[in-house]
Protein backbone atom coordinates (compact mmCIF):
# COMPACT_ATOMS: atom_id res chain seq x y z
CA MET A 1 30.60 -64.85 -25.25
CA THR A 2 29.76 -65.56 -28.87
CA SER A 3 29.79 -62.42 -30.96
CA THR A 4 28.11 -61.86 -34.28
CA PRO A 5 30.60 -61.40 -37.11
CA ALA A 6 30.31 -58.04 -38.81
CA VAL A 7 30.20 -57.95 -42.57
CA SER A 8 30.96 -54.57 -44.10
CA GLY A 9 27.94 -53.01 -45.75
CA GLY A 10 25.32 -55.47 -44.52
CA CYS A 11 24.01 -57.73 -41.80
CA PRO A 12 26.08 -60.68 -40.56
CA MET A 13 25.55 -64.16 -41.98
CA GLY A 14 23.41 -62.73 -44.76
CA PHE A 15 20.36 -62.14 -42.54
CA GLY A 16 18.16 -59.04 -42.79
CA ALA A 17 18.09 -56.14 -45.16
CA GLU A 18 21.36 -54.58 -46.22
CA ALA A 19 22.23 -51.41 -44.32
CA PRO A 20 22.80 -48.43 -46.62
CA ALA A 21 26.19 -46.74 -46.58
CA ASP A 22 24.97 -43.69 -44.65
CA HIS A 23 23.00 -45.72 -42.07
CA HIS A 24 20.14 -43.19 -42.32
CA GLY A 25 22.38 -40.64 -40.65
CA TYR A 26 22.69 -42.72 -37.49
CA GLU A 27 25.95 -42.24 -35.58
CA PRO A 28 26.15 -44.59 -32.56
CA PHE A 29 28.07 -42.32 -30.19
CA ALA A 30 26.75 -38.91 -31.35
CA MET A 31 24.07 -37.52 -29.02
CA GLU A 32 23.67 -33.92 -30.18
CA ASN A 33 20.42 -34.61 -32.06
CA PRO A 34 19.95 -38.29 -32.92
CA PHE A 35 16.19 -38.03 -33.43
CA PRO A 36 16.04 -37.33 -37.19
CA ALA A 37 18.14 -40.44 -37.79
CA TYR A 38 15.91 -42.42 -35.44
CA ALA A 39 12.84 -41.35 -37.42
CA LYS A 40 14.40 -42.43 -40.73
CA MET A 41 15.36 -45.79 -39.27
CA ARG A 42 11.86 -46.39 -37.90
CA SER A 43 10.42 -45.60 -41.31
CA GLU A 44 12.96 -47.25 -43.60
CA GLN A 45 14.83 -49.95 -41.67
CA PRO A 46 13.50 -50.42 -38.13
CA VAL A 47 15.84 -53.35 -37.47
CA MET A 48 19.29 -52.48 -38.79
CA PHE A 49 22.64 -54.14 -38.31
CA ASP A 50 25.36 -51.59 -37.62
CA GLU A 51 28.75 -53.07 -38.50
CA ARG A 52 30.61 -50.31 -36.65
CA THR A 53 29.36 -51.57 -33.29
CA GLY A 54 28.34 -55.12 -34.25
CA LEU A 55 24.84 -54.44 -32.92
CA TYR A 56 21.37 -54.93 -34.34
CA VAL A 57 19.72 -51.54 -33.77
CA ILE A 58 16.00 -51.76 -32.91
CA THR A 59 13.97 -48.56 -33.25
CA ARG A 60 10.19 -49.19 -33.15
CA TYR A 61 8.18 -49.15 -29.93
CA ASP A 62 6.52 -52.55 -30.22
CA ASP A 63 9.80 -54.25 -31.14
CA VAL A 64 11.77 -52.64 -28.31
CA LYS A 65 9.06 -53.46 -25.77
CA SER A 66 8.77 -57.06 -26.94
CA VAL A 67 12.52 -57.61 -26.61
CA PHE A 68 12.52 -56.16 -23.08
CA GLU A 69 9.60 -58.41 -22.21
CA ASP A 70 11.10 -61.65 -23.58
CA TRP A 71 13.98 -62.07 -21.12
CA GLY A 72 14.19 -65.78 -21.91
CA THR A 73 15.20 -65.17 -25.52
CA PHE A 74 16.94 -61.83 -25.11
CA SER A 75 19.42 -61.92 -22.26
CA SER A 76 20.51 -58.86 -20.28
CA GLU A 77 23.96 -60.37 -19.70
CA ASN A 78 25.64 -57.84 -22.04
CA ALA A 79 23.91 -54.75 -20.61
CA GLN A 80 26.99 -53.75 -18.61
CA ALA A 81 29.65 -55.19 -20.92
CA PRO A 82 32.20 -52.68 -22.28
CA VAL A 83 31.25 -51.49 -25.75
CA ARG A 84 34.95 -51.45 -26.56
CA LYS A 85 36.97 -54.38 -25.21
CA ARG A 86 39.22 -53.51 -22.29
CA GLY A 87 42.86 -53.21 -23.25
CA PRO A 88 45.59 -55.30 -21.58
CA GLN A 89 46.79 -52.51 -19.29
CA ALA A 90 43.30 -51.65 -18.01
CA THR A 91 42.54 -55.34 -17.56
CA ALA A 92 45.71 -55.84 -15.51
CA ILE A 93 44.95 -52.83 -13.31
CA MET A 94 41.45 -54.06 -12.56
CA THR A 95 42.48 -57.68 -12.00
CA GLU A 96 45.35 -56.76 -9.69
CA GLY A 97 43.10 -54.29 -7.86
CA GLY A 98 40.57 -57.01 -7.05
CA PHE A 99 37.79 -55.63 -9.26
CA THR A 100 35.27 -58.47 -9.33
CA THR A 101 31.86 -56.82 -9.66
CA TYR A 102 29.87 -56.75 -12.85
CA SER A 103 26.28 -55.73 -12.19
CA GLY A 104 23.87 -55.19 -9.36
CA LEU A 105 20.73 -56.20 -11.26
CA SER A 106 20.57 -54.90 -14.82
CA ALA A 107 22.88 -57.54 -16.34
CA ARG A 108 21.72 -60.47 -14.20
CA ARG A 109 19.26 -63.11 -15.38
CA PRO A 110 16.68 -65.16 -13.51
CA PRO A 111 16.78 -66.97 -11.19
CA GLU A 112 19.72 -64.96 -9.82
CA HIS A 113 18.10 -61.65 -10.80
CA THR A 114 14.78 -62.66 -9.23
CA ARG A 115 16.45 -63.61 -5.94
CA ILE A 116 18.53 -60.44 -5.57
CA ARG A 117 15.81 -58.05 -6.76
CA ALA A 118 13.34 -59.49 -4.24
CA VAL A 119 15.72 -58.58 -1.42
CA ALA A 120 16.57 -55.15 -2.86
CA GLN A 121 12.92 -54.27 -3.47
CA LYS A 122 12.07 -54.78 0.21
CA ALA A 123 14.78 -52.24 1.10
CA PHE A 124 13.59 -49.74 -1.54
CA THR A 125 10.53 -48.75 0.46
CA PRO A 126 8.30 -45.65 0.22
CA ARG A 127 9.32 -44.97 3.82
CA ARG A 128 12.94 -44.51 2.73
CA PHE A 129 11.95 -42.11 -0.05
CA LYS A 130 9.57 -40.17 2.18
CA ALA A 131 12.31 -39.73 4.78
CA LEU A 132 14.58 -38.21 2.12
CA GLU A 133 12.05 -35.70 0.79
CA PRO A 134 12.67 -32.83 3.28
CA MET A 135 16.43 -33.10 2.70
CA ILE A 136 15.97 -33.09 -1.08
CA ARG A 137 13.74 -30.02 -0.96
CA GLN A 138 16.13 -28.14 1.31
CA ASN A 139 19.08 -28.98 -0.94
CA VAL A 140 17.16 -27.62 -3.94
CA LYS A 141 16.29 -24.43 -2.07
CA ASP A 142 19.91 -24.01 -0.99
CA SER A 143 21.12 -24.46 -4.59
CA ILE A 144 18.62 -21.90 -5.88
CA SER A 145 19.63 -19.47 -3.14
CA ALA A 146 23.30 -19.89 -4.05
CA MET A 147 22.51 -19.26 -7.72
CA THR A 148 20.50 -16.11 -7.02
CA THR A 149 22.91 -14.53 -4.53
CA LYS A 150 26.22 -15.06 -6.29
CA GLY A 151 26.18 -11.68 -8.04
CA THR A 152 25.36 -12.75 -11.60
CA SER A 153 22.05 -13.41 -13.31
CA HIS A 154 23.38 -16.43 -15.22
CA ALA A 155 23.62 -20.00 -13.98
CA ASP A 156 24.29 -23.50 -15.26
CA ILE A 157 21.52 -25.83 -14.07
CA VAL A 158 23.74 -28.88 -14.56
CA ALA A 159 26.67 -27.63 -12.48
CA GLU A 160 24.77 -25.57 -9.90
CA LEU A 161 21.76 -27.78 -9.16
CA ALA A 162 21.55 -31.11 -10.98
CA TYR A 163 25.18 -32.14 -10.43
CA SER A 164 25.15 -32.49 -6.65
CA LEU A 165 21.50 -32.97 -5.68
CA PRO A 166 20.99 -36.61 -6.79
CA THR A 167 24.47 -37.59 -5.62
CA ILE A 168 23.85 -36.25 -2.11
CA THR A 169 20.49 -38.03 -2.14
CA ILE A 170 21.90 -41.41 -3.11
CA LEU A 171 24.87 -41.10 -0.73
CA THR A 172 22.45 -40.34 2.11
CA LEU A 173 20.26 -43.27 1.08
CA ILE A 174 23.11 -45.78 1.38
CA GLY A 175 24.76 -44.18 4.43
CA GLU A 176 27.84 -42.80 2.66
CA ASP A 177 29.76 -39.59 3.40
CA VAL A 178 27.96 -36.78 1.52
CA THR A 179 31.17 -34.79 1.20
CA MET A 180 32.30 -37.35 -1.40
CA VAL A 181 30.13 -35.95 -4.20
CA ASP A 182 33.04 -35.06 -6.45
CA THR A 183 34.76 -38.40 -5.80
CA TYR A 184 31.67 -40.39 -6.75
CA LYS A 185 31.11 -38.21 -9.80
CA ARG A 186 34.69 -38.96 -10.90
CA TRP A 187 34.17 -42.66 -10.39
CA SER A 188 30.81 -42.57 -12.19
CA ASP A 189 32.27 -40.70 -15.16
CA SER A 190 34.86 -43.47 -15.41
CA ARG A 191 32.22 -46.16 -15.27
CA ALA A 192 30.23 -44.52 -18.06
CA ALA A 193 33.34 -44.04 -20.19
CA MET A 194 34.63 -47.58 -19.68
CA THR A 195 31.29 -49.28 -20.26
CA TRP A 196 29.50 -47.20 -22.89
CA GLY A 197 32.28 -45.05 -24.32
CA ASP A 198 34.65 -45.46 -27.24
CA LEU A 199 38.08 -45.35 -25.55
CA SER A 200 41.50 -46.35 -26.80
CA ASP A 201 43.58 -48.73 -24.68
CA GLU A 202 45.62 -45.79 -23.41
CA GLU A 203 42.55 -43.72 -22.54
CA GLN A 204 41.17 -46.58 -20.45
CA ILE A 205 44.05 -46.59 -17.95
CA PRO A 206 43.02 -43.76 -15.55
CA HIS A 207 39.42 -44.96 -15.65
CA ALA A 208 40.53 -48.47 -14.67
CA HIS A 209 42.22 -47.08 -11.56
CA ASN A 210 39.03 -45.17 -10.70
CA LEU A 211 36.87 -48.26 -11.02
CA VAL A 212 39.12 -50.20 -8.63
CA GLU A 213 38.76 -47.40 -6.08
CA TYR A 214 35.00 -47.29 -6.62
CA TRP A 215 34.54 -51.05 -6.12
CA ASN A 216 36.75 -51.14 -3.03
CA ARG A 217 34.69 -48.34 -1.50
CA CYS A 218 31.46 -50.26 -2.11
CA GLN A 219 32.89 -53.29 -0.33
CA ALA A 220 34.01 -51.07 2.54
CA GLN A 221 30.45 -49.74 2.86
CA VAL A 222 29.13 -53.26 3.35
CA ALA A 223 31.80 -54.02 5.95
CA GLN A 224 30.92 -50.79 7.78
CA ALA A 225 27.23 -51.74 7.81
CA HIS A 226 28.11 -55.11 9.35
CA ALA A 227 30.23 -53.41 12.00
CA ALA A 228 28.06 -50.44 12.92
CA GLY A 229 24.59 -50.93 11.42
CA GLY A 230 22.68 -47.71 10.81
CA ASP A 231 19.48 -46.31 9.36
CA ASN A 232 20.23 -46.57 5.66
CA LEU A 233 19.76 -48.86 2.68
CA THR A 234 23.09 -50.65 3.07
CA ALA A 235 22.34 -51.47 6.70
CA ASP A 236 18.86 -52.65 5.68
CA LEU A 237 20.36 -55.09 3.17
CA VAL A 238 22.89 -56.38 5.69
CA ALA A 239 20.14 -56.79 8.30
CA ALA A 240 18.02 -58.68 5.76
CA GLN A 241 20.97 -61.01 5.14
CA ARG A 242 21.32 -61.65 8.87
CA ASP A 243 17.59 -62.41 9.03
CA GLY A 244 17.99 -65.08 6.40
CA ALA A 245 17.64 -63.23 3.08
CA ASP A 246 19.51 -65.03 0.31
CA ILE A 247 22.07 -62.37 -0.63
CA THR A 248 25.86 -62.26 -0.21
CA ASP A 249 28.14 -59.41 0.79
CA HIS A 250 29.52 -59.38 -2.76
CA GLU A 251 26.00 -59.03 -4.15
CA ILE A 252 25.18 -56.20 -1.74
CA ALA A 253 28.38 -54.39 -2.73
CA SER A 254 27.48 -54.96 -6.40
CA LEU A 255 24.06 -53.41 -5.79
CA LEU A 256 25.78 -50.37 -4.28
CA TYR A 257 28.17 -50.21 -7.23
CA SER A 258 25.22 -50.06 -9.63
CA LEU A 259 22.98 -47.89 -7.46
CA LEU A 260 25.62 -45.26 -6.80
CA PHE A 261 25.97 -44.82 -10.55
CA ALA A 262 22.42 -45.26 -11.83
CA GLY A 263 20.85 -43.53 -8.83
CA HIS A 264 22.43 -40.19 -9.50
CA GLU A 265 23.82 -40.10 -13.04
CA THR A 266 20.49 -40.52 -14.80
CA THR A 267 18.71 -38.24 -12.30
CA THR A 268 21.24 -35.47 -12.87
CA THR A 269 20.41 -35.79 -16.55
CA LEU A 270 16.65 -35.97 -15.93
CA ILE A 271 16.62 -32.74 -13.92
CA SER A 272 18.82 -31.02 -16.50
CA ASN A 273 16.62 -32.20 -19.36
CA CYS A 274 13.42 -31.20 -17.58
CA VAL A 275 14.63 -27.63 -17.27
CA ARG A 276 16.13 -27.58 -20.77
CA VAL A 277 13.10 -29.01 -22.58
CA LEU A 278 10.48 -27.06 -20.65
CA LEU A 279 12.31 -23.79 -21.29
CA GLU A 280 12.70 -24.68 -24.97
CA HIS A 281 8.91 -25.01 -25.05
CA ARG A 282 7.99 -21.80 -23.27
CA GLU A 283 4.25 -22.49 -23.13
CA ALA A 284 4.96 -25.72 -21.24
CA TRP A 285 7.15 -23.93 -18.71
CA GLU A 286 4.49 -21.28 -18.18
CA ALA A 287 1.89 -24.00 -17.72
CA VAL A 288 3.81 -25.67 -14.87
CA VAL A 289 4.53 -22.27 -13.29
CA ALA A 290 0.81 -21.50 -13.34
CA ASP A 291 -0.19 -24.96 -12.13
CA PRO A 292 2.52 -27.05 -10.41
CA LYS A 293 0.15 -30.01 -10.34
CA GLN A 294 1.07 -30.48 -14.00
CA ILE A 295 4.71 -31.17 -13.10
CA PRO A 296 4.41 -34.99 -12.79
CA LYS A 297 2.87 -35.17 -16.29
CA ALA A 298 5.58 -32.85 -17.60
CA ILE A 299 8.29 -35.12 -16.16
CA ASP A 300 6.85 -38.18 -17.91
CA GLU A 301 6.70 -36.26 -21.18
CA VAL A 302 10.34 -35.22 -20.78
CA LEU A 303 11.25 -38.85 -20.12
CA ARG A 304 9.46 -39.79 -23.33
CA TYR A 305 10.69 -36.92 -25.47
CA SER A 306 14.26 -36.62 -24.19
CA GLY A 307 15.12 -39.45 -21.80
CA SER A 308 18.40 -39.83 -19.94
CA ILE A 309 19.02 -43.25 -21.49
CA VAL A 310 18.34 -43.62 -25.21
CA GLY A 311 19.73 -47.11 -25.81
CA TRP A 312 20.20 -50.39 -23.90
CA ARG A 313 21.67 -53.73 -24.94
CA ARG A 314 20.46 -57.32 -25.08
CA LYS A 315 21.86 -60.62 -26.45
CA ALA A 316 19.92 -63.24 -28.42
CA LEU A 317 20.18 -66.68 -26.80
CA ALA A 318 18.64 -68.46 -29.80
CA ASP A 319 17.90 -67.87 -33.46
CA THR A 320 14.91 -65.56 -33.43
CA GLU A 321 13.19 -62.70 -35.24
CA VAL A 322 12.55 -59.05 -34.48
CA GLY A 323 10.40 -56.88 -36.72
CA GLY A 324 10.54 -59.44 -39.51
CA VAL A 325 14.35 -59.60 -39.48
CA GLN A 326 16.13 -62.84 -38.58
CA ILE A 327 18.42 -62.47 -35.55
CA PRO A 328 21.00 -65.25 -35.14
CA GLN A 329 21.90 -66.80 -31.81
CA GLY A 330 24.67 -64.83 -30.11
CA ALA A 331 23.77 -61.55 -31.83
CA GLU A 332 23.78 -58.42 -29.72
CA LEU A 333 21.01 -55.83 -29.92
CA LEU A 334 20.79 -52.13 -29.11
CA LEU A 335 17.26 -51.17 -28.12
CA LEU A 336 16.79 -47.49 -28.91
CA MET A 337 14.23 -46.36 -26.35
CA GLY A 338 14.93 -42.80 -27.48
CA SER A 339 13.48 -43.77 -30.86
CA ALA A 340 10.69 -46.01 -29.55
CA ASN A 341 9.46 -43.19 -27.33
CA ARG A 342 8.75 -41.06 -30.43
CA ASP A 343 7.19 -43.83 -32.49
CA GLU A 344 3.96 -42.36 -33.89
CA SER A 345 2.34 -45.79 -33.96
CA ARG A 346 2.26 -45.47 -30.16
CA PHE A 347 2.47 -41.71 -29.54
CA GLU A 348 0.43 -39.42 -31.77
CA ASN A 349 2.64 -36.63 -33.15
CA GLY A 350 5.51 -38.30 -31.33
CA GLU A 351 8.09 -35.72 -32.40
CA ASP A 352 6.12 -32.99 -30.60
CA PHE A 353 6.53 -32.13 -26.92
CA ASP A 354 3.16 -32.02 -25.18
CA ILE A 355 2.79 -32.14 -21.39
CA THR A 356 -0.93 -32.90 -21.77
CA ARG A 357 -0.20 -36.10 -23.70
CA PRO A 358 -2.51 -38.77 -22.22
CA ASN A 359 -0.17 -41.73 -22.66
CA ALA A 360 3.23 -40.18 -21.90
CA ARG A 361 3.72 -42.69 -19.07
CA ASP A 362 3.91 -45.46 -21.65
CA HIS A 363 7.49 -44.38 -22.41
CA LEU A 364 10.24 -46.99 -22.17
CA SER A 365 12.90 -44.78 -20.57
CA PHE A 366 12.92 -46.91 -17.40
CA GLY A 367 12.93 -50.12 -19.42
CA PHE A 368 10.16 -52.68 -19.27
CA GLY A 369 9.52 -56.09 -17.74
CA ILE A 370 11.61 -57.72 -15.03
CA HIS A 371 14.40 -55.14 -15.33
CA TYR A 372 12.15 -52.08 -14.94
CA CYS A 373 14.16 -49.44 -13.08
CA LEU A 374 14.02 -50.03 -9.33
CA GLY A 375 14.75 -46.38 -8.53
CA ASN A 376 12.24 -44.73 -10.86
CA MET A 377 10.15 -43.28 -8.02
CA LEU A 378 13.14 -41.63 -6.39
CA ALA A 379 14.33 -40.14 -9.68
CA LYS A 380 10.91 -38.66 -10.44
CA LEU A 381 10.55 -37.37 -6.87
CA GLN A 382 13.79 -35.40 -7.14
CA ALA A 383 12.87 -33.98 -10.54
CA LYS A 384 9.44 -33.00 -9.22
CA ILE A 385 10.86 -31.16 -6.21
CA ALA A 386 13.47 -29.39 -8.36
CA LEU A 387 10.83 -28.16 -10.82
CA GLU A 388 8.43 -27.11 -8.04
CA GLU A 389 11.06 -24.98 -6.35
CA LEU A 390 12.43 -23.50 -9.59
CA ALA A 391 8.95 -22.63 -10.86
CA SER A 392 8.10 -20.96 -7.55
CA ALA A 393 11.35 -19.05 -7.03
CA LEU A 394 12.25 -18.28 -10.65
CA PRO A 395 9.10 -18.20 -12.79
CA ASN A 396 10.78 -16.03 -15.42
CA LEU A 397 13.70 -18.42 -15.91
CA GLU A 398 14.96 -18.40 -19.49
CA LEU A 399 17.19 -20.74 -21.46
CA VAL A 400 20.35 -19.15 -22.85
CA ASP A 401 21.33 -20.31 -26.35
CA GLY A 402 19.84 -23.80 -26.09
CA GLY A 403 21.14 -24.64 -29.55
CA ALA A 404 24.71 -24.42 -28.25
CA ILE A 405 24.23 -27.21 -25.68
CA THR A 406 26.59 -30.12 -26.29
CA PHE A 407 26.12 -33.74 -25.25
CA ARG A 408 28.71 -36.31 -24.21
CA LYS A 409 29.66 -38.94 -26.77
CA ASN A 410 28.17 -42.19 -25.57
CA LEU A 411 26.30 -45.22 -26.86
CA SER A 412 23.48 -45.18 -24.30
CA PHE A 413 23.29 -41.99 -22.21
CA ARG A 414 22.24 -38.60 -23.60
CA VAL A 415 23.84 -36.23 -21.11
CA PRO A 416 23.93 -32.43 -21.64
CA ASP A 417 27.26 -30.86 -20.71
CA PHE A 418 25.55 -27.66 -19.51
CA VAL A 419 22.16 -25.94 -19.41
CA ASN A 420 22.78 -22.22 -19.15
CA VAL A 421 19.90 -20.07 -17.94
CA GLU A 422 19.05 -16.44 -17.25
CA LEU A 423 17.68 -16.36 -13.72
CA ASN A 424 15.72 -13.10 -13.76
CA ALA A 425 16.33 -13.26 -10.03
CA ASP A 426 14.90 -9.79 -9.36
CA SER A 427 11.39 -10.88 -10.41
CA THR A 428 8.95 -11.80 -7.66
CA SER A 429 7.96 -15.42 -7.27
CA ARG A 430 4.39 -16.59 -7.74
CA SER A 431 4.08 -17.22 -4.03
CA GLU A 432 4.84 -13.53 -3.35
CA ALA A 433 2.69 -12.15 -6.14
């Protein structure tokens, strides 16, 4: 892969405007509150080369959307590439362990992407999601019951609701053992750290072992589906293959590898952010408590205002231009959807949170174009059910010290470590009032 040489203090090869020393306050891996820096970049230097990461950082809505749309010029092949090159020890562990996957769909290009997505999309049916809905709702109710009966009025929404719910859902969807929540969370944490984190060679070693385990389990799931069948997504993909669908076992296992991460990690964050942001804007929380029909609109506004994924990568396959800045062939780009989603040229008063916003669904948090998130409906369904049940059971829920919430260091994912709430569990629910 050809990389763009980084020149300290400016863009590579002399192209584009020189980046100022402070980079408008932008710190690639800091997720506590990146939005003021995003706003400065949109205003002052919407296409900026960051020599620390070697990435062109794209911040305006129209530019981000146009790059997503032009898959022929801007390849997705680097979407899953490690931000920091794997060290020799981690590389040896993964090679010797037989780790051969790379991406299910997000880093593949047509025609390969088109072929595999067509098969996967037929398995991702509304029937599958509808069948999961009663289980999702019961799991939410059980989590709320556990929070309200444990003898304390405080809870952490991340740990006590959002952590396990999407993982159980995705494990059920693919036919995996639902008792393996903690194992898959460990593997997923390693995948995030190895791909989008900033790890030293030494820090990579335990994560490399985890990824080998993770990949081997995905392959075992495919073998199990061949042997025993079943009523689940993995069995559907294997059955499609038997019926002539053009997809290999390795590709099915790679889909599982991606799905088991993306299908729960971002949804855990979405649920956590929905609760956090709505409680930070009390009038919005009270509005969804009073009228749960507003919850779908509120979810889209949370996705716009504080999405789970704030940045995604692309690679230029030819000399091109973005936002008036020349981008050389081989250059890598970071598309900041977290910035684009607040661009006031697209969203009036974009820095404000407003669940009545008429065009909130125009957000780019699920991407755009051929790589638009395949699991978006399932993610939004789980967030909707979680908010419905929380609003009904705990209408007086309050955020505890929201300013103290920390976020994991990461290039792409904005993940809160905790969302502490006061339950007010002794108050009556709306349904009882």
